[in-house]
Amino acid sequence: IGDLELPEIRNFFEHFARALALNDAESKVFKDDLETALASRPEILEMAGNPIMLTALAVLQHNDQRLPEYRVELYESILGWLAAAHQHKEGRLPAEKCLEYMRKLALRMQDEPAGRLVQVNKRSAAELFTREFGGNVDGNEVLLERETQDSGIIAAVGSDLKFWHLSFQEYLAAREIASLGDQEQIQRVVESGKLYQAEWRETMRLLGGILRQQGEAKIDGLIDAILRVDRPALADQVRCAALLSAMMRDLSRMKYEPKNPRYEPAIRKVMGIFRAGEAEEIGIGKCAEAADLLGHVGDPRLEEDNWVEIAAGSFLMGAQKQKKREPNYDPEALDSEEPVHEVQLRGFRVRRFPVTVREFGEFVKKGGYAARKHWVEGFGKFSEPEDWQTQKQFPNRPVTGVSWFEAAAYCAWTKVRLPTEAEWERAARGPQSSRYPWGNEPPLDASRANYDSAIGHVTPVGLFPKGNTAEGLCDLLGNVWEWCGDWFGPYGTEHSQNPSGPKEGEQETLRGGAWSSRPLVVRVSNRDWDEPTVRGNSVGFRCAGDWS
């Protein structure tokens, strides 16, 4: 069963409440509480897309009248419920013993010397249980067979076993590591270097939460051990900062702040690649390499709420080159940018960065190309962006090689939209309606945008902080052209209220220029256009929406 979307999740709640025979008042409380959890806690919404997790969340809500506060508690409750649900059956282990067996199996699979296993031979697992708990191999194989029949924790795959959900394996492995002595924990994940492997990232994040449950001294010890290692190379510093940032997403919610004095400098030094001044000292080449690596190991910026709200108001759109003393004078203005005209916009919001490869990858993975309801036109024409296998190696770069149809479908899938051309220009001009995102001066140069093939390829988002707007929007000039929601057409001369371009046309609007663009076109007022089916390695987009 594929991942469920929000309407399907809500439909499930409706059926679940009906199956429980709740009265109207009870049903409303049950559904409202789950809706509140989905809206306020990203980890709940992420879990709810999986049918097994969704069932468990609904059961927890009904039985306990609330969902646990922290992610590690959610997994503990879900797995505890699954282990207990069938313990009364003949030949089944008590719930606590079942989870002890599963923890041993999970760590064995997670810690395989040749790399993590996602499924394991049933006989091999029975041999592990025999070494750890006694009995004989045949008896333990029968025990495993019974567990696969209806436990919801492990499942049979031919003669192999796997955990029903990979996060079960990651959580149980973390729980088993947390049961080890302090020194063995450190040797297992820190001294071995496994903590920086991508397949250990989620386990490390969960381990941090579990150790926090056990007391501040336990999590302090792990973080101290991580920071104790000297890392002169920037690449190693990036890996460390990314790991700690991922762990802190859970730990900060659990009211934990690292006490080690090395923590803040370690994070600040790495994230300096995205701060004006510090980035220039490091050099754009090294910053780009470090930012690409951060994308591989987990860019913490992409976990933040990156919506920027733009207040309602008016601005002068377009540019002219005839009258130097008149508004929006630009000696490089093209005919398509005239006339300068006043535009009134309602409040709207726009994403800080263009849509990244990682973000678009969720659309691909979760069947966005196969879901007709998200597509205005172009359904079935494409199955993934151009050069997708190469792009996936750079998760925090803007996605490219997407047509207007794909960009619009992604926006519909995320319940937002492409910005109108007027919204895009207002965002790019900033609150003072400036000539450049950063103001009227200084003019464009290579420290403020990726253009004119100076670097030779798309770079990770937000790598040119000197080019940001006062409202914190990044990459509005250079890096990738951005699709807008409007058909292209000439400007009118009258005052415009929330314009959205012509009602029909043959070409959609593009804005901002790209990594390969000459300086003439890398301007906030410059307009480009192309057919909505066009794709290329310099074309991407960002999302917009109505003001929340």
Foldseek 3Di string as FASTA:
>chain_A
DFFDDDVVLLVVLVVVCVVVVDPPVVSCLLSVQLVVCVVPPVVSVVQCRDPLSSVLQSVCCVPVVHADDFPLVNLVSSLLCLLCVCCPDPLADHSVVVLVLLLQVLLCQCQPPVHHDQKAFLLVSLVSCCVVPNDDSVSSSVNVVVCQPRSQQWHDDDRMIGGNDVVSSLLSPLVVLLVDDLVVSCVRDPVVVPCLDQSNLSSLLNNLVVLVVVHPVRNLSNLCSNLVDDDPDLLVLLSSLQSVLSNVVRVVSVVDDHPPPVNVVSNCLNCLLLPPPSVVVVPLVVSLVSLQSNLVRPPSVVVDPQKFKDAWDKDWFFADCPDPPDPRHDVLGDPLRDDTAMETEHIKIWGQWFAWLQLVVVCLVSCLLPDVVLFPDDRPVDNDAPPSVVRVSRGQWFDFRAFLRSQSSSQVSVVFGFAALVVLLDQQCAPVNAFGQDHVDDDDDPLQEQEQCPVPAAGGWSSRNSRHHPSNRTHQAARAKAWGQAADDGDDHHYYYNDRYDPDDFKTKTAHYYNNHDPSRRTSSHIDIDGRRDTDRRHGHITMHGDD
